[in-house]
Amino acid sequence: LFQKYFYLTYTQGVMMYEIRKLMNIQAQP
């Protein structure tokens, strides 16, 4: 009744398991 509200929502991403591959870090023992 008092005002209009505006929201922005992110829509894109890269799965972290893909980023982990790109980082090429050896698994910690």
ModelCIF file with pLDDT and N, C-alpha, C, O atoms, coordinates in Angstrom:
data_MODEL
#
_entry.id   MODEL 
#
_entity.id                         1 
_entity.type                       polymer 
_entity.pdbx_number_of_molecules   1 
#
_entity_poly.entity_id                      1 
_entity_poly.type                           'polypeptide(L)' 
_entity_poly.nstd_linkage                   no 
_entity_poly.nstd_monomer                   no 
_entity_poly.pdbx_seq_one_letter_code       LFQKYFYLTYTQGVMMYEIRKLMNIQAQP 
_entity_poly.pdbx_seq_one_letter_code_can   LFQKYFYLTYTQGVMMYEIRKLMNIQAQP 
_entity_poly.pdbx_strand_id                 A 
#
loop_
_entity_poly_seq.entity_id 
_entity_poly_seq.num 
_entity_poly_seq.mon_id 
_entity_poly_seq.hetero 
1 1  LEU n 
1 2  PHE n 
1 3  GLN n 
1 4  LYS n 
1 5  TYR n 
1 6  PHE n 
1 7  TYR n 
1 8  LEU n 
1 9  THR n 
1 10 TYR n 
1 11 THR n 
1 12 GLN n 
1 13 GLY n 
1 14 VAL n 
1 15 MET n 
1 16 MET n 
1 17 TYR n 
1 18 GLU n 
1 19 ILE n 
1 20 ARG n 
1 21 LYS n 
1 22 LEU n 
1 23 MET n 
1 24 ASN n 
1 25 ILE n 
1 26 GLN n 
1 27 ALA n 
1 28 GLN n 
1 29 PRO n 
#
_struct_asym.id          A 
_struct_asym.entity_id   1 
#
loop_
_ma_qa_metric.id 
_ma_qa_metric.mode 
_ma_qa_metric.name 
_ma_qa_metric.software_group_id 
_ma_qa_metric.type 
1 global pLDDT . pLDDT 
2 local  pLDDT . pLDDT 
#
_ma_qa_metric_global.metric_id      1 
_ma_qa_metric_global.metric_value   92.45 
_ma_qa_metric_global.model_id       1 
_ma_qa_metric_global.ordinal_id     1 
#
loop_
_ma_qa_metric_local.label_asym_id 
_ma_qa_metric_local.label_comp_id 
_ma_qa_metric_local.label_seq_id 
_ma_qa_metric_local.metric_id 
_ma_qa_metric_local.metric_value 
_ma_qa_metric_local.model_id 
_ma_qa_metric_local.ordinal_id 
A LEU 1  2 87.00 1 1  
A PHE 2  2 90.00 1 2  
A GLN 3  2 93.00 1 3  
A LYS 4  2 95.00 1 4  
A TYR 5  2 97.00 1 5  
A PHE 6  2 97.00 1 6  
A TYR 7  2 98.00 1 7  
A LEU 8  2 98.00 1 8  
A THR 9  2 98.00 1 9  
A TYR 10 2 98.00 1 10 
A THR 11 2 97.00 1 11 
A GLN 12 2 97.00 1 12 
A GLY 13 2 98.00 1 13 
A VAL 14 2 98.00 1 14 
A MET 15 2 98.00 1 15 
A MET 16 2 98.00 1 16 
A TYR 17 2 97.00 1 17 
A GLU 18 2 98.00 1 18 
A ILE 19 2 98.00 1 19 
A ARG 20 2 97.00 1 20 
A LYS 21 2 97.00 1 21 
A LEU 22 2 97.00 1 22 
A MET 23 2 98.00 1 23 
A ASN 24 2 96.00 1 24 
A ILE 25 2 93.00 1 25 
A GLN 26 2 81.00 1 26 
A ALA 27 2 70.00 1 27 
A GLN 28 2 61.00 1 28 
A PRO 29 2 61.00 1 29 
#
loop_
_atom_site.group_PDB 
_atom_site.id 
_atom_site.type_symbol 
_atom_site.label_atom_id 
_atom_site.label_alt_id 
_atom_site.label_comp_id 
_atom_site.label_asym_id 
_atom_site.label_entity_id 
_atom_site.label_seq_id 
_atom_site.pdbx_PDB_ins_code 
_atom_site.Cartn_x 
_atom_site.Cartn_y 
_atom_site.Cartn_z 
_atom_site.occupancy 
_atom_site.B_iso_or_equiv 
_atom_site.pdbx_formal_charge 
_atom_site.auth_seq_id 
_atom_site.auth_comp_id 
_atom_site.auth_asym_id 
_atom_site.auth_atom_id 
_atom_site.pdbx_PDB_model_num 
ATOM 1   N N  . LEU A 1 1  ? 0.813  -1.216  0.000   1.00 87.00 ? 1  LEU A N  1 
ATOM 2   C CA . LEU A 1 1  ? 0.000  0.000   0.000   1.00 87.00 ? 1  LEU A CA 1 
ATOM 3   C C  . LEU A 1 1  ? 0.846  1.266   0.000   1.00 87.00 ? 1  LEU A C  1 
ATOM 4   O O  . LEU A 1 1  ? 0.358  2.348   -0.326  1.00 87.00 ? 1  LEU A O  1 
ATOM 5   N N  . PHE A 1 2  ? 2.108  1.127   0.365   1.00 90.00 ? 2  PHE A N  1 
ATOM 6   C CA . PHE A 1 2  ? 2.930  2.315   0.567   1.00 90.00 ? 2  PHE A CA 1 
ATOM 7   C C  . PHE A 1 2  ? 3.953  2.570   -0.539  1.00 90.00 ? 2  PHE A C  1 
ATOM 8   O O  . PHE A 1 2  ? 4.219  3.726   -0.867  1.00 90.00 ? 2  PHE A O  1 
ATOM 9   N N  . GLN A 1 3  ? 4.533  1.515   -1.123  1.00 93.00 ? 3  GLN A N  1 
ATOM 10  C CA . GLN A 1 3  ? 5.563  1.743   -2.118  1.00 93.00 ? 3  GLN A CA 1 
ATOM 11  C C  . GLN A 1 3  ? 5.798  0.518   -2.985  1.00 93.00 ? 3  GLN A C  1 
ATOM 12  O O  . GLN A 1 3  ? 5.254  -0.560  -2.746  1.00 93.00 ? 3  GLN A O  1 
ATOM 13  N N  . LYS A 1 4  ? 6.630  0.722   -4.001  1.00 95.00 ? 4  LYS A N  1 
ATOM 14  C CA . LYS A 1 4  ? 7.031  -0.352  -4.896  1.00 95.00 ? 4  LYS A CA 1 
ATOM 15  C C  . LYS A 1 4  ? 8.435  -0.788  -4.500  1.00 95.00 ? 4  LYS A C  1 
ATOM 16  O O  . LYS A 1 4  ? 9.267  0.032   -4.109  1.00 95.00 ? 4  LYS A O  1 
ATOM 17  N N  . TYR A 1 5  ? 8.687  -2.092  -4.606  1.00 97.00 ? 5  TYR A N  1 
ATOM 18  C CA . TYR A 1 5  ? 9.992  -2.649  -4.248  1.00 97.00 ? 5  TYR A CA 1 
ATOM 19  C C  . TYR A 1 5  ? 10.631 -3.274  -5.486  1.00 97.00 ? 5  TYR A C  1 
ATOM 20  O O  . TYR A 1 5  ? 9.948  -3.836  -6.342  1.00 97.00 ? 5  TYR A O  1 
ATOM 21  N N  . PHE A 1 6  ? 11.968 -3.161  -5.558  1.00 97.00 ? 6  PHE A N  1 
ATOM 22  C CA . PHE A 1 6  ? 12.714 -3.707  -6.689  1.00 97.00 ? 6  PHE A CA 1 
ATOM 23  C C  . PHE A 1 6  ? 13.796 -4.660  -6.175  1.00 97.00 ? 6  PHE A C  1 
ATOM 24  O O  . PHE A 1 6  ? 14.483 -4.370  -5.196  1.00 97.00 ? 6  PHE A O  1 
ATOM 25  N N  . TYR A 1 7  ? 13.934 -5.806  -6.859  1.00 98.00 ? 7  TYR A N  1 
ATOM 26  C CA . TYR A 1 7  ? 14.935 -6.804  -6.475  1.00 98.00 ? 7  TYR A CA 1 
ATOM 27  C C  . TYR A 1 7  ? 15.716 -7.246  -7.716  1.00 98.00 ? 7  TYR A C  1 
ATOM 28  O O  . TYR A 1 7  ? 15.165 -7.348  -8.812  1.00 98.00 ? 7  TYR A O  1 
ATOM 29  N N  . LEU A 1 8  ? 16.996 -7.503  -7.518  1.00 98.00 ? 8  LEU A N  1 
ATOM 30  C CA . LEU A 1 8  ? 17.852 -8.029  -8.578  1.00 98.00 ? 8  LEU A CA 1 
ATOM 31  C C  . LEU A 1 8  ? 18.351 -9.400  -8.151  1.00 98.00 ? 8  LEU A C  1 
ATOM 32  O O  . LEU A 1 8  ? 18.867 -9.561  -7.045  1.00 98.00 ? 8  LEU A O  1 
ATOM 33  N N  . THR A 1 9  ? 18.199 -10.383 -9.019  1.00 98.00 ? 9  THR A N  1 
ATOM 34  C CA . THR A 1 9  ? 18.580 -11.751 -8.700  1.00 98.00 ? 9  THR A CA 1 
ATOM 35  C C  . THR A 1 9  ? 19.633 -12.248 -9.683  1.00 98.00 ? 9  THR A C  1 
ATOM 36  O O  . THR A 1 9  ? 19.479 -12.114 -10.897 1.00 98.00 ? 9  THR A O  1 
ATOM 37  N N  . TYR A 1 10 ? 20.698 -12.819 -9.143  1.00 98.00 ? 10 TYR A N  1 
ATOM 38  C CA . TYR A 1 10 ? 21.736 -13.394 -10.001 1.00 98.00 ? 10 TYR A CA 1 
ATOM 39  C C  . TYR A 1 10 ? 21.189 -14.633 -10.707 1.00 98.00 ? 10 TYR A C  1 
ATOM 40  O O  . TYR A 1 10 ? 20.371 -15.368 -10.155 1.00 98.00 ? 10 TYR A O  1 
ATOM 41  N N  . THR A 1 11 ? 21.654 -14.849 -11.930 1.00 97.00 ? 11 THR A N  1 
ATOM 42  C CA . THR A 1 11 ? 21.112 -15.941 -12.740 1.00 97.00 ? 11 THR A CA 1 
ATOM 43  C C  . THR A 1 11 ? 22.177 -16.858 -13.329 1.00 97.00 ? 11 THR A C  1 
ATOM 44  O O  . THR A 1 11 ? 21.843 -17.864 -13.955 1.00 97.00 ? 11 THR A O  1 
ATOM 45  N N  . GLN A 1 12 ? 23.459 -16.528 -13.140 1.00 97.00 ? 12 GLN A N  1 
ATOM 46  C CA . GLN A 1 12 ? 24.508 -17.319 -13.772 1.00 97.00 ? 12 GLN A CA 1 
ATOM 47  C C  . GLN A 1 12 ? 25.597 -17.697 -12.772 1.00 97.00 ? 12 GLN A C  1 
ATOM 48  O O  . GLN A 1 12 ? 25.830 -16.992 -11.790 1.00 97.00 ? 12 GLN A O  1 
ATOM 49  N N  . GLY A 1 13 ? 26.259 -18.826 -13.043 1.00 98.00 ? 13 GLY A N  1 
ATOM 50  C CA . GLY A 1 13 ? 27.344 -19.262 -12.174 1.00 98.00 ? 13 GLY A CA 1 
ATOM 51  C C  . GLY A 1 13 ? 28.155 -20.374 -12.817 1.00 98.00 ? 13 GLY A C  1 
ATOM 52  O O  . GLY A 1 13 ? 27.809 -20.896 -13.877 1.00 98.00 ? 13 GLY A O  1 
ATOM 53  N N  . VAL A 1 14 ? 29.231 -20.714 -12.152 1.00 98.00 ? 14 VAL A N  1 
ATOM 54  C CA . VAL A 1 14 ? 30.078 -21.844 -12.546 1.00 98.00 ? 14 VAL A CA 1 
ATOM 55  C C  . VAL A 1 14 ? 30.169 -22.763 -11.344 1.00 98.00 ? 14 VAL A C  1 
ATOM 56  O O  . VAL A 1 14 ? 30.531 -22.322 -10.253 1.00 98.00 ? 14 VAL A O  1 
ATOM 57  N N  . MET A 1 15 ? 29.846 -24.036 -11.528 1.00 98.00 ? 15 MET A N  1 
ATOM 58  C CA . MET A 1 15 ? 29.875 -24.972 -10.412 1.00 98.00 ? 15 MET A CA 1 
ATOM 59  C C  . MET A 1 15 ? 31.269 -25.021 -9.802  1.00 98.00 ? 15 MET A C  1 
ATOM 60  O O  . MET A 1 15 ? 32.271 -24.982 -10.516 1.00 98.00 ? 15 MET A O  1 
ATOM 61  N N  . MET A 1 16 ? 31.326 -25.108 -8.469  1.00 98.00 ? 16 MET A N  1 
ATOM 62  C CA . MET A 1 16 ? 32.618 -25.080 -7.797  1.00 98.00 ? 16 MET A CA 1 
ATOM 63  C C  . MET A 1 16 ? 33.456 -26.316 -8.099  1.00 98.00 ? 16 MET A C  1 
ATOM 64  O O  . MET A 1 16 ? 34.683 -26.248 -8.030  1.00 98.00 ? 16 MET A O  1 
ATOM 65  N N  . TYR A 1 17 ? 32.832 -27.441 -8.431  1.00 97.00 ? 17 TYR A N  1 
ATOM 66  C CA . TYR A 1 17 ? 33.651 -28.603 -8.779  1.00 97.00 ? 17 TYR A CA 1 
ATOM 67  C C  . TYR A 1 17 ? 34.390 -28.360 -10.092 1.00 97.00 ? 17 TYR A C  1 
ATOM 68  O O  . TYR A 1 17 ? 35.434 -28.966 -10.337 1.00 97.00 ? 17 TYR A O  1 
ATOM 69  N N  . GLU A 1 18 ? 33.853 -27.471 -10.944 1.00 98.00 ? 18 GLU A N  1 
ATOM 70  C CA . GLU A 1 18 ? 34.563 -27.104 -12.168 1.00 98.00 ? 18 GLU A CA 1 
ATOM 71  C C  . GLU A 1 18 ? 35.707 -26.136 -11.858 1.00 98.00 ? 18 GLU A C  1 
ATOM 72  O O  . GLU A 1 18 ? 36.791 -26.239 -12.433 1.00 98.00 ? 18 GLU A O  1 
ATOM 73  N N  . ILE A 1 19 ? 35.455 -25.199 -10.948 1.00 98.00 ? 19 ILE A N  1 
ATOM 74  C CA . ILE A 1 19 ? 36.505 -24.268 -10.541 1.00 98.00 ? 19 ILE A CA 1 
ATOM 75  C C  . ILE A 1 19 ? 37.646 -25.015 -9.870  1.00 98.00 ? 19 ILE A C  1 
ATOM 76  O O  . ILE A 1 19 ? 38.815 -24.679 -10.058 1.00 98.00 ? 19 ILE A O  1 
ATOM 77  N N  . ARG A 1 20 ? 37.300 -26.034 -9.082  1.00 97.00 ? 20 ARG A N  1 
ATOM 78  C CA . ARG A 1 20 ? 38.339 -26.825 -8.414  1.00 97.00 ? 20 ARG A CA 1 
ATOM 79  C C  . ARG A 1 20 ? 39.254 -27.491 -9.443  1.00 97.00 ? 20 ARG A C  1 
ATOM 80  O O  . ARG A 1 20 ? 40.470 -27.545 -9.255  1.00 97.00 ? 20 ARG A O  1 
ATOM 81  N N  . LYS A 1 21 ? 38.674 -27.991 -10.518 1.00 97.00 ? 21 LYS A N  1 
ATOM 82  C CA . LYS A 1 21 ? 39.501 -28.580 -11.576 1.00 97.00 ? 21 LYS A CA 1 
ATOM 83  C C  . LYS A 1 21 ? 40.429 -27.537 -12.177 1.00 97.00 ? 21 LYS A C  1 
ATOM 84  O O  . LYS A 1 21 ? 41.599 -27.814 -12.439 1.00 97.00 ? 21 LYS A O  1 
ATOM 85  N N  . LEU A 1 22 ? 39.901 -26.331 -12.395 1.00 97.00 ? 22 LEU A N  1 
ATOM 86  C CA . LEU A 1 22 ? 40.711 -25.260 -12.985 1.00 97.00 ? 22 LEU A CA 1 
ATOM 87  C C  . LEU A 1 22 ? 41.842 -24.829 -12.056 1.00 97.00 ? 22 LEU A C  1 
ATOM 88  O O  . LEU A 1 22 ? 42.905 -24.421 -12.523 1.00 97.00 ? 22 LEU A O  1 
ATOM 89  N N  . MET A 1 23 ? 41.622 -24.915 -10.752 1.00 98.00 ? 23 MET A N  1 
ATOM 90  C CA . MET A 1 23 ? 42.669 -24.530 -9.798  1.00 98.00 ? 23 MET A CA 1 
ATOM 91  C C  . MET A 1 23 ? 43.804 -25.544 -9.773  1.00 98.00 ? 23 MET A C  1 
ATOM 92  O O  . MET A 1 23 ? 44.941 -25.209 -9.441  1.00 98.00 ? 23 MET A O  1 
ATOM 93  N N  . ASN A 1 24 ? 43.486 -26.796 -10.129 1.00 96.00 ? 24 ASN A N  1 
ATOM 94  C CA . ASN A 1 24 ? 44.507 -27.840 -10.231 1.00 96.00 ? 24 ASN A CA 1 
ATOM 95  C C  . ASN A 1 24 ? 45.294 -27.989 -8.927  1.00 96.00 ? 24 ASN A C  1 
ATOM 96  O O  . ASN A 1 24 ? 46.522 -28.075 -8.935  1.00 96.00 ? 24 ASN A O  1 
ATOM 97  N N  . ILE A 1 25 ? 44.574 -28.017 -7.820  1.00 93.00 ? 25 ILE A N  1 
ATOM 98  C CA . ILE A 1 25 ? 45.202 -28.194 -6.506  1.00 93.00 ? 25 ILE A CA 1 
ATOM 99  C C  . ILE A 1 25 ? 45.174 -29.665 -6.143  1.00 93.00 ? 25 ILE A C  1 
ATOM 100 O O  . ILE A 1 25 ? 44.125 -30.304 -6.220  1.00 93.00 ? 25 ILE A O  1 
ATOM 101 N N  . GLN A 1 26 ? 46.307 -30.203 -5.752  1.00 81.00 ? 26 GLN A N  1 
ATOM 102 C CA . GLN A 1 26 ? 46.347 -31.592 -5.330  1.00 81.00 ? 26 GLN A CA 1 
ATOM 103 C C  . GLN A 1 26 ? 45.570 -31.753 -4.029  1.00 81.00 ? 26 GLN A C  1 
ATOM 104 O O  . GLN A 1 26 ? 45.627 -30.895 -3.148  1.00 81.00 ? 26 GLN A O  1 
ATOM 105 N N  . ALA A 1 27 ? 44.856 -32.847 -3.922  1.00 70.00 ? 27 ALA A N  1 
ATOM 106 C CA . ALA A 1 27 ? 44.069 -33.116 -2.716  1.00 70.00 ? 27 ALA A CA 1 
ATOM 107 C C  . ALA A 1 27 ? 44.965 -33.150 -1.499  1.00 70.00 ? 27 ALA A C  1 
ATOM 108 O O  . ALA A 1 27 ? 46.059 -33.711 -1.536  1.00 70.00 ? 27 ALA A O  1 
ATOM 109 N N  . GLN A 1 28 ? 44.489 -32.537 -0.402  1.00 61.00 ? 28 GLN A N  1 
ATOM 110 C CA . GLN A 1 28 ? 45.262 -32.538 0.831   1.00 61.00 ? 28 GLN A CA 1 
ATOM 111 C C  . GLN A 1 28 ? 45.179 -33.909 1.486   1.00 61.00 ? 28 GLN A C  1 
ATOM 112 O O  . GLN A 1 28 ? 44.089 -34.464 1.624   1.00 61.00 ? 28 GLN A O  1 
ATOM 113 N N  . PRO A 1 29 ? 46.317 -34.461 1.890   1.00 61.00 ? 29 PRO A N  1 
ATOM 114 C CA . PRO A 1 29 ? 46.295 -35.779 2.519   1.00 61.00 ? 29 PRO A CA 1 
ATOM 115 C C  . PRO A 1 29 ? 45.592 -35.736 3.867   1.00 61.00 ? 29 PRO A C  1 
ATOM 116 O O  . PRO A 1 29 ? 45.481 -36.761 4.539   1.00 61.00 ? 29 PRO A O  1 
#
